[in-house]
Amino acid sequence: TFESLVRRVKTNIREGFRPALFCLSDLYALEAMNYFRDQGIKIPQDLGIAGFDDILYASLSSPGLTTVRQDMKRKAALAVDTLAGTNGVGEGDPASGKAGGTREYGRRIAERGGMSAKCRTQ
């Protein structure tokens, strides 16, 4: 629950740690930012928060949310190729459930105010 997470974060802050939270999506990260702020925890001074997806609201929040931006066109093309069995590596058969290996697609960090420098370096 958020309540137990808040207790842990506050304990870490009291003990001199600078905790950070990485969320599965920007929407979860933005919800967490609002919840922790309502509990008196300062973002990013007390708690660093980062998300995943780089949605529009990540840049509009205050502080701005640090997030992972994906190359969605490349990711979609790889998904279609994999499902069609034309994954370019000569392996994998979607019908048999055999994986064709790991594929990389472009991603990068959109660094904004949601993470302090201290959180990023520890």
PDB file of N, CA and C in Angstrom:
ATOM      1  N   THR A   1       0.836  -1.192   0.000  1.00  0.00           N
ATOM      2  CA  THR A   1       0.000   0.000   0.000  1.00  0.00           C
ATOM      3  C   THR A   1       0.877   1.251   0.000  1.00  0.00           C
ATOM      4  N   PHE A   2       0.280   2.363  -0.438  1.00  0.00           N
ATOM      5  CA  PHE A   2       1.002   3.629  -0.409  1.00  0.00           C
ATOM      6  C   PHE A   2       1.373   4.011   1.025  1.00  0.00           C
ATOM      7  N   GLU A   3       0.489   3.701   1.980  1.00  0.00           N
ATOM      8  CA  GLU A   3       0.753   4.080   3.368  1.00  0.00           C
ATOM      9  C   GLU A   3       2.025   3.431   3.896  1.00  0.00           C
ATOM     10  N   SER A   4       2.203   2.137   3.606  1.00  0.00           N
ATOM     11  CA  SER A   4       3.420   1.458   4.083  1.00  0.00           C
ATOM     12  C   SER A   4       4.655   1.970   3.348  1.00  0.00           C
ATOM     13  N   LEU A   5       4.501   2.318   2.087  1.00  0.00           N
ATOM     14  CA  LEU A   5       5.623   2.874   1.331  1.00  0.00           C
ATOM     15  C   LEU A   5       6.013   4.239   1.885  1.00  0.00           C
ATOM     16  N   VAL A   6       5.031   5.062   2.237  1.00  0.00           N
ATOM     17  CA  VAL A   6       5.313   6.379   2.837  1.00  0.00           C
ATOM     18  C   VAL A   6       6.081   6.206   4.134  1.00  0.00           C
ATOM     19  N   ARG A   7       5.680   5.247   4.959  1.00  0.00           N
ATOM     20  CA  ARG A   7       6.402   5.003   6.228  1.00  0.00           C
ATOM     21  C   ARG A   7       7.854   4.638   5.959  1.00  0.00           C
ATOM     22  N   ARG A   8       8.090   3.758   4.982  1.00  0.00           N
ATOM     23  CA  ARG A   8       9.466   3.355   4.647  1.00  0.00           C
ATOM     24  C   ARG A   8      10.275   4.536   4.125  1.00  0.00           C
ATOM     25  N   VAL A   9       9.676   5.323   3.248  1.00  0.00           N
ATOM     26  CA  VAL A   9      10.372   6.485   2.691  1.00  0.00           C
ATOM     27  C   VAL A   9      10.731   7.461   3.801  1.00  0.00           C
ATOM     28  N   LYS A  10       9.789   7.755   4.691  1.00  0.00           N
ATOM     29  CA  LYS A  10      10.061   8.686   5.793  1.00  0.00           C
ATOM     30  C   LYS A  10      11.151   8.156   6.714  1.00  0.00           C
ATOM     31  N   THR A  11      11.161   6.851   6.965  1.00  0.00           N
ATOM     32  CA  THR A  11      12.218   6.242   7.782  1.00  0.00           C
ATOM     33  C   THR A  11      13.573   6.405   7.096  1.00  0.00           C
ATOM     34  N   ASN A  12      13.640   6.129   5.803  1.00  0.00           N
ATOM     35  CA  ASN A  12      14.890   6.291   5.054  1.00  0.00           C
ATOM     36  C   ASN A  12      15.379   7.733   5.087  1.00  0.00           C
ATOM     37  N   ILE A  13      14.474   8.685   4.938  1.00  0.00           N
ATOM     38  CA  ILE A  13      14.856  10.098   4.969  1.00  0.00           C
ATOM     39  C   ILE A  13      15.418  10.461   6.337  1.00  0.00           C
ATOM     40  N   ARG A  14      14.744  10.012   7.398  1.00  0.00           N
ATOM     41  CA  ARG A  14      15.224  10.290   8.767  1.00  0.00           C
ATOM     42  C   ARG A  14      16.616   9.706   9.000  1.00  0.00           C
ATOM     43  N   GLU A  15      16.895   8.558   8.381  1.00  0.00           N
ATOM     44  CA  GLU A  15      18.186   7.887   8.557  1.00  0.00           C
ATOM     45  C   GLU A  15      19.263   8.435   7.620  1.00  0.00           C
ATOM     46  N   GLY A  16      18.935   9.471   6.852  1.00  0.00           N
ATOM     47  CA  GLY A  16      19.922  10.123   6.010  1.00  0.00           C
ATOM     48  C   GLY A  16      20.029   9.588   4.598  1.00  0.00           C
ATOM     49  N   PHE A  17      19.168   8.665   4.241  1.00  0.00           N
ATOM     50  CA  PHE A  17      19.173   8.143   2.875  1.00  0.00           C
ATOM     51  C   PHE A  17      18.342   9.049   1.975  1.00  0.00           C
ATOM     52  N   ARG A  18      18.605   8.987   0.696  1.00  0.00           N
ATOM     53  CA  ARG A  18      17.818   9.737  -0.280  1.00  0.00           C
ATOM     54  C   ARG A  18      17.165   8.709  -1.201  1.00  0.00           C
ATOM     55  N   PRO A  19      15.966   8.248  -0.839  1.00  0.00           N
ATOM     56  CA  PRO A  19      15.325   7.189  -1.626  1.00  0.00           C
ATOM     57  C   PRO A  19      14.852   7.677  -2.991  1.00  0.00           C
ATOM     58  N   ALA A  20      14.679   6.727  -3.897  1.00  0.00           N
ATOM     59  CA  ALA A  20      14.164   7.013  -5.234  1.00  0.00           C
ATOM     60  C   ALA A  20      13.172   5.916  -5.612  1.00  0.00           C
ATOM     61  N   LEU A  21      12.214   6.285  -6.414  1.00  0.00           N
ATOM     62  CA  LEU A  21      11.156   5.366  -6.832  1.00  0.00           C
ATOM     63  C   LEU A  21      11.082   5.375  -8.353  1.00  0.00           C
ATOM     64  N   PHE A  22      11.162   4.191  -8.962  1.00  0.00           N
ATOM     65  CA  PHE A  22      10.997   4.083 -10.415  1.00  0.00           C
ATOM     66  C   PHE A  22       9.677   3.376 -10.664  1.00  0.00           C
ATOM     67  N   CYS A  23       8.785   4.027 -11.390  1.00  0.00           N
ATOM     68  CA  CYS A  23       7.443   3.502 -11.631  1.00  0.00           C
ATOM     69  C   CYS A  23       7.340   2.888 -13.028  1.00  0.00           C
ATOM     70  N   LEU A  24       6.428   1.942 -13.166  1.00  0.00           N
ATOM     71  CA  LEU A  24       6.238   1.244 -14.438  1.00  0.00           C
ATOM     72  C   LEU A  24       5.696   2.130 -15.544  1.00  0.00           C
ATOM     73  N   SER A  25       5.079   3.222 -15.175  1.00  0.00           N
ATOM     74  CA  SER A  25       4.558   4.146 -16.184  1.00  0.00           C
ATOM     75  C   SER A  25       4.587   5.558 -15.622  1.00  0.00           C
ATOM     76  N   ASP A  26       4.508   6.526 -16.506  1.00  0.00           N
ATOM     77  CA  ASP A  26       4.456   7.919 -16.069  1.00  0.00           C
ATOM     78  C   ASP A  26       3.180   8.204 -15.275  1.00  0.00           C
ATOM     79  N   LEU A  27       2.075   7.571 -15.653  1.00  0.00           N
ATOM     80  CA  LEU A  27       0.833   7.807 -14.915  1.00  0.00           C
ATOM     81  C   LEU A  27       0.978   7.378 -13.459  1.00  0.00           C
ATOM     82  N   TYR A  28       1.589   6.213 -13.215  1.00  0.00           N
ATOM     83  CA  TYR A  28       1.829   5.778 -11.842  1.00  0.00           C
ATOM     84  C   TYR A  28       2.775   6.740 -11.125  1.00  0.00           C
ATOM     85  N   ALA A  29       3.810   7.186 -11.834  1.00  0.00           N
ATOM     86  CA  ALA A  29       4.779   8.096 -11.228  1.00  0.00           C
ATOM     87  C   ALA A  29       4.120   9.425 -10.854  1.00  0.00           C
ATOM     88  N   LEU A  30       3.269   9.953 -11.719  1.00  0.00           N
ATOM     89  CA  LEU A  30       2.581  11.208 -11.420  1.00  0.00           C
ATOM     90  C   LEU A  30       1.619  11.044 -10.247  1.00  0.00           C
ATOM     91  N   GLU A  31       0.937   9.904 -10.197  1.00  0.00           N
ATOM     92  CA  GLU A  31       0.060   9.629  -9.061  1.00  0.00           C
ATOM     93  C   GLU A  31       0.872   9.552  -7.766  1.00  0.00           C
ATOM     94  N   ALA A  32       2.025   8.875  -7.831  1.00  0.00           N
ATOM     95  CA  ALA A  32       2.893   8.763  -6.657  1.00  0.00           C
ATOM     96  C   ALA A  32       3.415  10.135  -6.226  1.00  0.00           C
ATOM     97  N   MET A  33       3.810  10.983  -7.199  1.00  0.00           N
ATOM     98  CA  MET A  33       4.294  12.325  -6.862  1.00  0.00           C
ATOM     99  C   MET A  33       3.237  13.093  -6.082  1.00  0.00           C
ATOM    100  N   ASN A  34       2.000  13.054  -6.561  1.00  0.00           N
ATOM    101  CA  ASN A  34       0.925  13.771  -5.873  1.00  0.00           C
ATOM    102  C   ASN A  34       0.662  13.195  -4.489  1.00  0.00           C
ATOM    103  N   TYR A  35       0.659  11.878  -4.375  1.00  0.00           N
ATOM    104  CA  TYR A  35       0.394  11.241  -3.089  1.00  0.00           C
ATOM    105  C   TYR A  35       1.486  11.576  -2.070  1.00  0.00           C
ATOM    106  N   PHE A  36       2.751  11.420  -2.472  1.00  0.00           N
ATOM    107  CA  PHE A  36       3.848  11.698  -1.543  1.00  0.00           C
ATOM    108  C   PHE A  36       3.880  13.178  -1.158  1.00  0.00           C
ATOM    109  N   ARG A  37       3.606  14.037  -2.096  1.00  0.00           N
ATOM    110  CA  ARG A  37       3.574  15.474  -1.802  1.00  0.00           C
ATOM    111  C   ARG A  37       2.474  15.774  -0.768  1.00  0.00           C
ATOM    112  N   ASP A  38       1.308  15.124  -0.916  1.00  0.00           N
ATOM    113  CA  ASP A  38       0.219  15.289   0.051  1.00  0.00           C
ATOM    114  C   ASP A  38       0.611  14.793   1.440  1.00  0.00           C
ATOM    115  N   GLN A  39       1.589  13.888   1.499  1.00  0.00           N
ATOM    116  CA  GLN A  39       2.068  13.357   2.786  1.00  0.00           C
ATOM    117  C   GLN A  39       3.234  14.173   3.353  1.00  0.00           C
ATOM    118  N   GLY A  40       3.548  15.294   2.711  1.00  0.00           N
ATOM    119  CA  GLY A  40       4.601  16.175   3.216  1.00  0.00           C
ATOM    120  C   GLY A  40       5.998  15.828   2.743  1.00  0.00           C
ATOM    121  N   ILE A  41       6.118  14.943   1.779  1.00  0.00           N
ATOM    122  CA  ILE A  41       7.427  14.557   1.247  1.00  0.00           C
ATOM    123  C   ILE A  41       7.713  15.422   0.029  1.00  0.00           C
ATOM    124  N   LYS A  42       8.893  16.062   0.031  1.00  0.00           N
ATOM    125  CA  LYS A  42       9.258  16.970  -1.065  1.00  0.00           C
ATOM    126  C   LYS A  42       9.914  16.190  -2.208  1.00  0.00           C
ATOM    127  N   ILE A  43       9.416  16.460  -3.417  1.00  0.00           N
ATOM    128  CA  ILE A  43       9.953  15.856  -4.630  1.00  0.00           C
ATOM    129  C   ILE A  43      10.748  16.935  -5.359  1.00  0.00           C
ATOM    130  N   PRO A  44      11.963  16.790  -5.703  1.00  0.00           N
ATOM    131  CA  PRO A  44      12.871  15.659  -5.567  1.00  0.00           C
ATOM    132  C   PRO A  44      13.792  15.748  -4.351  1.00  0.00           C
ATOM    133  N   GLN A  45      13.622  16.768  -3.506  1.00  0.00           N
ATOM    134  CA  GLN A  45      14.550  16.956  -2.384  1.00  0.00           C
ATOM    135  C   GLN A  45      14.577  15.756  -1.438  1.00  0.00           C
ATOM    136  N   ASP A  46      13.393  15.201  -1.099  1.00  0.00           N
ATOM    137  CA  ASP A  46      13.326  14.054  -0.189  1.00  0.00           C
ATOM    138  C   ASP A  46      13.255  12.722  -0.926  1.00  0.00           C
ATOM    139  N   LEU A  47      12.552  12.714  -2.047  1.00  0.00           N
ATOM    140  CA  LEU A  47      12.306  11.472  -2.783  1.00  0.00           C
ATOM    141  C   LEU A  47      12.395  11.736  -4.273  1.00  0.00           C
ATOM    142  N   GLY A  48      13.225  10.987  -4.965  1.00  0.00           N
ATOM    143  CA  GLY A  48      13.294  11.059  -6.414  1.00  0.00           C
ATOM    144  C   GLY A  48      12.279  10.109  -7.017  1.00  0.00           C
ATOM    145  N   ILE A  49      11.587  10.554  -8.053  1.00  0.00           N
ATOM    146  CA  ILE A  49      10.603   9.705  -8.729  1.00  0.00           C
ATOM    147  C   ILE A  49      10.852   9.787 -10.231  1.00  0.00           C
ATOM    148  N   ALA A  50      10.852   8.629 -10.881  1.00  0.00           N
ATOM    149  CA  ALA A  50      10.998   8.552 -12.328  1.00  0.00           C
ATOM    150  C   ALA A  50       9.922   7.623 -12.879  1.00  0.00           C
ATOM    151  N   GLY A  51       9.578   7.840 -14.133  1.00  0.00           N
ATOM    152  CA  GLY A  51       8.552   7.030 -14.769  1.00  0.00           C
ATOM    153  C   GLY A  51       9.047   6.410 -16.058  1.00  0.00           C
ATOM    154  N   PHE A  52       8.094   5.919 -16.839  1.00  0.00           N
ATOM    155  CA  PHE A  52       8.410   5.212 -18.074  1.00  0.00           C
ATOM    156  C   PHE A  52       7.331   5.534 -19.092  1.00  0.00           C
ATOM    157  N   ASP A  53       7.669   6.015 -20.252  1.00  0.00           N
ATOM    158  CA  ASP A  53       6.804   6.254 -21.409  1.00  0.00           C
ATOM    159  C   ASP A  53       6.907   7.674 -21.954  1.00  0.00           C
ATOM    160  N   ASP A  54       7.277   8.644 -21.162  1.00  0.00           N
ATOM    161  CA  ASP A  54       7.386  10.050 -21.559  1.00  0.00           C
ATOM    162  C   ASP A  54       6.088  10.572 -22.175  1.00  0.00           C
ATOM    163  N   ILE A  55       5.019  10.473 -21.397  1.00  0.00           N
ATOM    164  CA  ILE A  55       3.751  11.040 -21.847  1.00  0.00           C
ATOM    165  C   ILE A  55       3.799  12.561 -21.717  1.00  0.00           C
ATOM    166  N   LEU A  56       2.888  13.250 -22.353  1.00  0.00           N
ATOM    167  CA  LEU A  56       2.854  14.708 -22.350  1.00  0.00           C
ATOM    168  C   LEU A  56       2.840  15.269 -20.929  1.00  0.00           C
ATOM    169  N   TYR A  57       2.060  14.686 -20.054  1.00  0.00           N
ATOM    170  CA  TYR A  57       1.922  15.218 -18.698  1.00  0.00           C
ATOM    171  C   TYR A  57       3.215  15.135 -17.890  1.00  0.00           C
ATOM    172  N   ALA A  58       4.158  14.295 -18.311  1.00  0.00           N
ATOM    173  CA  ALA A  58       5.433  14.199 -17.603  1.00  0.00           C
ATOM    174  C   ALA A  58       6.195  15.514 -17.669  1.00  0.00           C
ATOM    175  N   SER A  59       6.078  16.216 -18.789  1.00  0.00           N
ATOM    176  CA  SER A  59       6.777  17.496 -18.922  1.00  0.00           C
ATOM    177  C   SER A  59       5.964  18.652 -18.355  1.00  0.00           C
ATOM    178  N   LEU A  60       4.680  18.447 -18.134  1.00  0.00           N
ATOM    179  CA  LEU A  60       3.820  19.512 -17.619  1.00  0.00           C
ATOM    180  C   LEU A  60       3.716  19.508 -16.107  1.00  0.00           C
ATOM    181  N   SER A  61       4.137  18.430 -15.461  1.00  0.00           N
ATOM    182  CA  SER A  61       4.025  18.349 -14.004  1.00  0.00           C
ATOM    183  C   SER A  61       5.058  19.259 -13.350  1.00  0.00           C
ATOM    184  N   SER A  62       4.859  19.521 -12.083  1.00  0.00           N
ATOM    185  CA  SER A  62       5.813  20.339 -11.338  1.00  0.00           C
ATOM    186  C   SER A  62       6.177  19.617 -10.048  1.00  0.00           C
ATOM    187  N   PRO A  63       7.440  19.188  -9.911  1.00  0.00           N
ATOM    188  CA  PRO A  63       8.515  19.323 -10.898  1.00  0.00           C
ATOM    189  C   PRO A  63       8.269  18.393 -12.083  1.00  0.00           C
ATOM    190  N   GLY A  64       8.944  18.676 -13.192  1.00  0.00           N
ATOM    191  CA  GLY A  64       8.834  17.804 -14.361  1.00  0.00           C
ATOM    192  C   GLY A  64       9.304  16.405 -14.014  1.00  0.00           C
ATOM    193  N   LEU A  65       8.664  15.414 -14.598  1.00  0.00           N
ATOM    194  CA  LEU A  65       8.969  14.018 -14.292  1.00  0.00           C
ATOM    195  C   LEU A  65      10.092  13.500 -15.179  1.00  0.00           C
ATOM    196  N   THR A  66      11.138  12.950 -14.568  1.00  0.00           N
ATOM    197  CA  THR A  66      12.184  12.249 -15.308  1.00  0.00           C
ATOM    198  C   THR A  66      11.591  10.922 -15.765  1.00  0.00           C
ATOM    199  N   THR A  67      11.813  10.560 -17.021  1.00  0.00           N
ATOM    200  CA  THR A  67      11.142   9.394 -17.571  1.00  0.00           C
ATOM    201  C   THR A  67      11.983   8.746 -18.665  1.00  0.00           C
ATOM    202  N   VAL A  68      11.654   7.517 -19.009  1.00  0.00           N
ATOM    203  CA  VAL A  68      12.308   6.815 -20.109  1.00  0.00           C
ATOM    204  C   VAL A  68      11.433   6.974 -21.344  1.00  0.00           C
ATOM    205  N   ARG A  69      12.017   7.510 -22.394  1.00  0.00           N
ATOM    206  CA  ARG A  69      11.307   7.695 -23.664  1.00  0.00           C
ATOM    207  C   ARG A  69      11.673   6.534 -24.581  1.00  0.00           C
ATOM    208  N   GLN A  70      10.663   5.902 -25.182  1.00  0.00           N
ATOM    209  CA  GLN A  70      10.877   4.778 -26.086  1.00  0.00           C
ATOM    210  C   GLN A  70      10.654   5.207 -27.536  1.00  0.00           C
ATOM    211  N   ASP A  71      11.317   4.523 -28.437  1.00  0.00           N
ATOM    212  CA  ASP A  71      11.052   4.706 -29.866  1.00  0.00           C
ATOM    213  C   ASP A  71       9.876   3.788 -30.196  1.00  0.00           C
ATOM    214  N   MET A  72       8.666   4.319 -30.076  1.00  0.00           N
ATOM    215  CA  MET A  72       7.463   3.515 -30.228  1.00  0.00           C
ATOM    216  C   MET A  72       7.295   2.972 -31.650  1.00  0.00           C
ATOM    217  N   LYS A  73       7.725   3.720 -32.665  1.00  0.00           N
ATOM    218  CA  LYS A  73       7.618   3.214 -34.042  1.00  0.00           C
ATOM    219  C   LYS A  73       8.490   1.978 -34.217  1.00  0.00           C
ATOM    220  N   ARG A  74       9.709   2.050 -33.694  1.00  0.00           N
ATOM    221  CA  ARG A  74      10.631   0.907 -33.796  1.00  0.00           C
ATOM    222  C   ARG A  74      10.097  -0.272 -32.995  1.00  0.00           C
ATOM    223  N   LYS A  75       9.571  -0.009 -31.808  1.00  0.00           N
ATOM    224  CA  LYS A  75       9.024  -1.062 -30.961  1.00  0.00           C
ATOM    225  C   LYS A  75       7.832  -1.741 -31.647  1.00  0.00           C
ATOM    226  N   ALA A  76       6.957  -0.953 -32.267  1.00  0.00           N
ATOM    227  CA  ALA A  76       5.801  -1.500 -32.969  1.00  0.00           C
ATOM    228  C   ALA A  76       6.237  -2.332 -34.174  1.00  0.00           C
ATOM    229  N   ALA A  77       7.222  -1.834 -34.924  1.00  0.00           N
ATOM    230  CA  ALA A  77       7.716  -2.563 -36.093  1.00  0.00           C
ATOM    231  C   ALA A  77       8.313  -3.906 -35.677  1.00  0.00           C
ATOM    232  N   LEU A  78       9.063  -3.926 -34.588  1.00  0.00           N
ATOM    233  CA  LEU A  78       9.635  -5.185 -34.098  1.00  0.00           C
ATOM    234  C   LEU A  78       8.534  -6.147 -33.662  1.00  0.00           C
ATOM    235  N   ALA A  79       7.495  -5.627 -33.016  1.00  0.00           N
ATOM    236  CA  ALA A  79       6.389  -6.481 -32.581  1.00  0.00           C
ATOM    237  C   ALA A  79       5.682  -7.103 -33.779  1.00  0.00           C
ATOM    238  N   VAL A  80       5.415  -6.294 -34.795  1.00  0.00           N
ATOM    239  CA  VAL A  80       4.745  -6.805 -35.999  1.00  0.00           C
ATOM    240  C   VAL A  80       5.634  -7.830 -36.699  1.00  0.00           C
ATOM    241  N   ASP A  81       6.908  -7.532 -36.854  1.00  0.00           N
ATOM    242  CA  ASP A  81       7.829  -8.470 -37.493  1.00  0.00           C
ATOM    243  C   ASP A  81       7.903  -9.783 -36.728  1.00  0.00           C
ATOM    244  N   THR A  82       7.926  -9.690 -35.400  1.00  0.00           N
ATOM    245  CA  THR A  82       8.006 -10.901 -34.584  1.00  0.00           C
ATOM    246  C   THR A  82       6.739 -11.734 -34.745  1.00  0.00           C
ATOM    247  N   LEU A  83       5.585 -11.093 -34.675  1.00  0.00           N
ATOM    248  CA  LEU A  83       4.328 -11.821 -34.819  1.00  0.00           C
ATOM    249  C   LEU A  83       4.171 -12.413 -36.213  1.00  0.00           C
ATOM    250  N   ALA A  84       4.708 -11.729 -37.218  1.00  0.00           N
ATOM    251  CA  ALA A  84       4.616 -12.213 -38.592  1.00  0.00           C
ATOM    252  C   ALA A  84       5.688 -13.248 -38.905  1.00  0.00           C
ATOM    253  N   GLY A  85       6.614 -13.455 -37.988  1.00  0.00           N
ATOM    254  CA  GLY A  85       7.685 -14.427 -38.205  1.00  0.00           C
ATOM    255  C   GLY A  85       8.796 -13.912 -39.083  1.00  0.00           C
ATOM    256  N   THR A  86       8.861 -12.606 -39.293  1.00  0.00           N
ATOM    257  CA  THR A  86       9.916 -12.008 -40.125  1.00  0.00           C
ATOM    258  C   THR A  86      10.807 -11.142 -39.264  1.00  0.00           C
ATOM    259  N   ASN A  87      11.281 -11.705 -38.161  1.00  0.00           N
ATOM    260  CA  ASN A  87      12.015 -10.916 -37.173  1.00  0.00           C
ATOM    261  C   ASN A  87      13.444 -10.585 -37.572  1.00  0.00           C
ATOM    262  N   GLY A  88      13.895 -11.021 -38.716  1.00  0.00           N
ATOM    263  CA  GLY A  88      15.202 -10.607 -39.210  1.00  0.00           C
ATOM    264  C   GLY A  88      16.368 -11.372 -38.628  1.00  0.00           C
ATOM    265  N   VAL A  89      16.129 -12.297 -37.709  1.00  0.00           N
ATOM    266  CA  VAL A  89      17.238 -13.060 -37.147  1.00  0.00           C
ATOM    267  C   VAL A  89      17.170 -14.529 -37.544  1.00  0.00           C
ATOM    268  N   GLY A  90      16.162 -14.888 -38.328  1.00  0.00           N
ATOM    269  CA  GLY A  90      16.064 -16.260 -38.812  1.00  0.00           C
ATOM    270  C   GLY A  90      15.679 -17.254 -37.742  1.00  0.00           C
ATOM    271  N   GLU A  91      15.194 -16.774 -36.632  1.00  0.00           N
ATOM    272  CA  GLU A  91      14.794 -17.645 -35.537  1.00  0.00           C
ATOM    273  C   GLU A  91      13.399 -17.267 -35.102  1.00  0.00           C
ATOM    274  N   GLY A  92      12.838 -18.109 -34.300  1.00  0.00           N
ATOM    275  CA  GLY A  92      11.557 -17.792 -33.688  1.00  0.00           C
ATOM    276  C   GLY A  92      10.390 -18.223 -34.547  1.00  0.00           C
ATOM    277  N   ASP A  93       9.421 -18.775 -33.877  1.00  0.00           N
ATOM    278  CA  ASP A  93       8.202 -19.201 -34.539  1.00  0.00           C
ATOM    279  C   ASP A  93       7.052 -18.861 -33.606  1.00  0.00           C
ATOM    280  N   PRO A  94       6.345 -17.757 -33.872  1.00  0.00           N
ATOM    281  CA  PRO A  94       5.272 -17.348 -32.976  1.00  0.00           C
ATOM    282  C   PRO A  94       4.248 -18.444 -32.730  1.00  0.00           C
ATOM    283  N   ALA A  95       3.960 -19.271 -33.748  1.00  0.00           N
ATOM    284  CA  ALA A  95       2.968 -20.323 -33.586  1.00  0.00           C
ATOM    285  C   ALA A  95       3.423 -21.374 -32.579  1.00  0.00           C
ATOM    286  N   SER A  96       4.723 -21.648 -32.513  1.00  0.00           N
ATOM    287  CA  SER A  96       5.230 -22.660 -31.589  1.00  0.00           C
ATOM    288  C   SER A  96       5.581 -22.077 -30.230  1.00  0.00           C
ATOM    289  N   GLY A  97       5.581 -20.748 -30.128  1.00  0.00           N
ATOM    290  CA  GLY A  97       5.925 -20.113 -28.863  1.00  0.00           C
ATOM    291  C   GLY A  97       7.416 -19.973 -28.647  1.00  0.00           C
ATOM    292  N   LYS A  98       8.218 -20.323 -29.642  1.00  0.00           N
ATOM    293  CA  LYS A  98       9.671 -20.201 -29.497  1.00  0.00           C
ATOM    294  C   LYS A  98      10.083 -18.762 -29.737  1.00  0.00           C
ATOM    295  N   ALA A  99      10.860 -18.237 -28.830  1.00  0.00           N
ATOM    296  CA  ALA A  99      11.320 -16.849 -28.947  1.00  0.00           C
ATOM    297  C   ALA A  99      12.423 -16.748 -29.983  1.00  0.00           C
ATOM    298  N   GLY A 100      12.507 -15.600 -30.620  1.00  0.00           N
ATOM    299  CA  GLY A 100      13.532 -15.381 -31.629  1.00  0.00           C
ATOM    300  C   GLY A 100      14.700 -14.585 -31.108  1.00  0.00           C
ATOM    301  N   GLY A 101      14.883 -14.464 -29.824  1.00  0.00           N
ATOM    302  CA  GLY A 101      16.001 -13.728 -29.256  1.00  0.00           C
ATOM    303  C   GLY A 101      15.590 -12.340 -28.787  1.00  0.00           C
ATOM    304  N   THR A 102      16.548 -11.629 -28.280  1.00  0.00           N
ATOM    305  CA  THR A 102      16.310 -10.290 -27.751  1.00  0.00           C
ATOM    306  C   THR A 102      16.451  -9.263 -28.856  1.00  0.00           C
ATOM    307  N   ARG A 103      15.560  -8.290 -28.871  1.00  0.00           N
ATOM    308  CA  ARG A 103      15.623  -7.213 -29.847  1.00  0.00           C
ATOM    309  C   ARG A 103      15.739  -5.890 -29.114  1.00  0.00           C
ATOM    310  N   GLU A 104      16.545  -5.026 -29.637  1.00  0.00           N
ATOM    311  CA  GLU A 104      16.713  -3.696 -29.054  1.00  0.00           C
ATOM    312  C   GLU A 104      15.936  -2.679 -29.859  1.00  0.00           C
ATOM    313  N   TYR A 105      15.339  -1.740 -29.179  1.00  0.00           N
ATOM    314  CA  TYR A 105      14.708  -0.607 -29.845  1.00  0.00           C
ATOM    315  C   TYR A 105      15.145   0.639 -29.099  1.00  0.00           C
ATOM    316  N   GLY A 106      15.070   1.759 -29.756  1.00  0.00           N
ATOM    317  CA  GLY A 106      15.601   2.991 -29.189  1.00  0.00           C
ATOM    318  C   GLY A 106      14.860   3.459 -27.947  1.00  0.00           C
ATOM    319  N   ARG A 107      15.613   3.952 -26.986  1.00  0.00           N
ATOM    320  CA  ARG A 107      15.038   4.559 -25.793  1.00  0.00           C
ATOM    321  C   ARG A 107      16.073   5.512 -25.222  1.00  0.00           C
ATOM    322  N   ARG A 108      15.613   6.500 -24.488  1.00  0.00           N
ATOM    323  CA  ARG A 108      16.540   7.418 -23.833  1.00  0.00           C
ATOM    324  C   ARG A 108      15.837   8.047 -22.647  1.00  0.00           C
ATOM    325  N   ILE A 109      16.613   8.642 -21.783  1.00  0.00           N
ATOM    326  CA  ILE A 109      16.079   9.277 -20.583  1.00  0.00           C
ATOM    327  C   ILE A 109      15.693  10.714 -20.913  1.00  0.00           C
ATOM    328  N   ALA A 110      14.485  11.090 -20.560  1.00  0.00           N
ATOM    329  CA  ALA A 110      14.049  12.485 -20.630  1.00  0.00           C
ATOM    330  C   ALA A 110      14.183  13.016 -19.211  1.00  0.00           C
ATOM    331  N   GLU A 111      15.304  13.651 -18.937  1.00  0.00           N
ATOM    332  CA  GLU A 111      15.631  14.058 -17.572  1.00  0.00           C
ATOM    333  C   GLU A 111      14.995  15.398 -17.249  1.00  0.00           C
ATOM    334  N   ARG A 112      14.183  15.402 -16.194  1.00  0.00           N
ATOM    335  CA  ARG A 112      13.507  16.615 -15.752  1.00  0.00           C
ATOM    336  C   ARG A 112      13.699  16.755 -14.253  1.00  0.00           C
ATOM    337  N   GLY A 113      12.883  17.526 -13.592  1.00  0.00           N
ATOM    338  CA  GLY A 113      13.077  17.845 -12.183  1.00  0.00           C
ATOM    339  C   GLY A 113      12.676  16.793 -11.180  1.00  0.00           C
ATOM    340  N   GLY A 114      12.096  15.670 -11.590  1.00  0.00           N
ATOM    341  CA  GLY A 114      11.601  14.671 -10.643  1.00  0.00           C
ATOM    342  C   GLY A 114      12.675  13.890  -9.919  1.00  0.00           C
ATOM    343  N   MET A 115      13.920  13.973 -10.399  1.00  0.00           N
ATOM    344  CA  MET A 115      15.036  13.270  -9.750  1.00  0.00           C
ATOM    345  C   MET A 115      16.117  14.292  -9.439  1.00  0.00           C
ATOM    346  N   SER A 116      16.573  14.301  -8.203  1.00  0.00           N
ATOM    347  CA  SER A 116      17.666  15.201  -7.870  1.00  0.00           C
ATOM    348  C   SER A 116      18.986  14.553  -8.285  1.00  0.00           C
ATOM    349  N   ALA A 117      20.012  15.360  -8.435  1.00  0.00           N
ATOM    350  CA  ALA A 117      21.331  14.825  -8.812  1.00  0.00           C
ATOM    351  C   ALA A 117      21.817  13.826  -7.793  1.00  0.00           C
ATOM    352  N   LYS A 118      21.487  14.029  -6.524  1.00  0.00           N
ATOM    353  CA  LYS A 118      21.923  13.123  -5.479  1.00  0.00           C
ATOM    354  C   LYS A 118      21.294  11.740  -5.656  1.00  0.00           C
ATOM    355  N   CYS A 119      20.025  11.682  -6.057  1.00  0.00           N
ATOM    356  CA  CYS A 119      19.364  10.392  -6.295  1.00  0.00           C
ATOM    357  C   CYS A 119      19.991   9.654  -7.456  1.00  0.00           C
ATOM    358  N   ARG A 120      20.352  10.361  -8.505  1.00  0.00           N
ATOM    359  CA  ARG A 120      20.882   9.734  -9.708  1.00  0.00           C
ATOM    360  C   ARG A 120      22.270   9.160  -9.489  1.00  0.00           C
ATOM    361  N   THR A 121      23.030   9.693  -8.566  1.00  0.00           N
ATOM    362  CA  THR A 121      24.419   9.268  -8.417  1.00  0.00           C
ATOM    363  C   THR A 121      24.607   8.229  -7.328  1.00  0.00           C
ATOM    364  N   GLN A 122      23.586   7.927  -6.583  1.00  0.00           N
ATOM    365  CA  GLN A 122      23.757   6.944  -5.493  1.00  0.00           C
ATOM    366  C   GLN A 122      23.254   5.584  -5.883  1.00  0.00           C
TER     367      GLN A 122
END
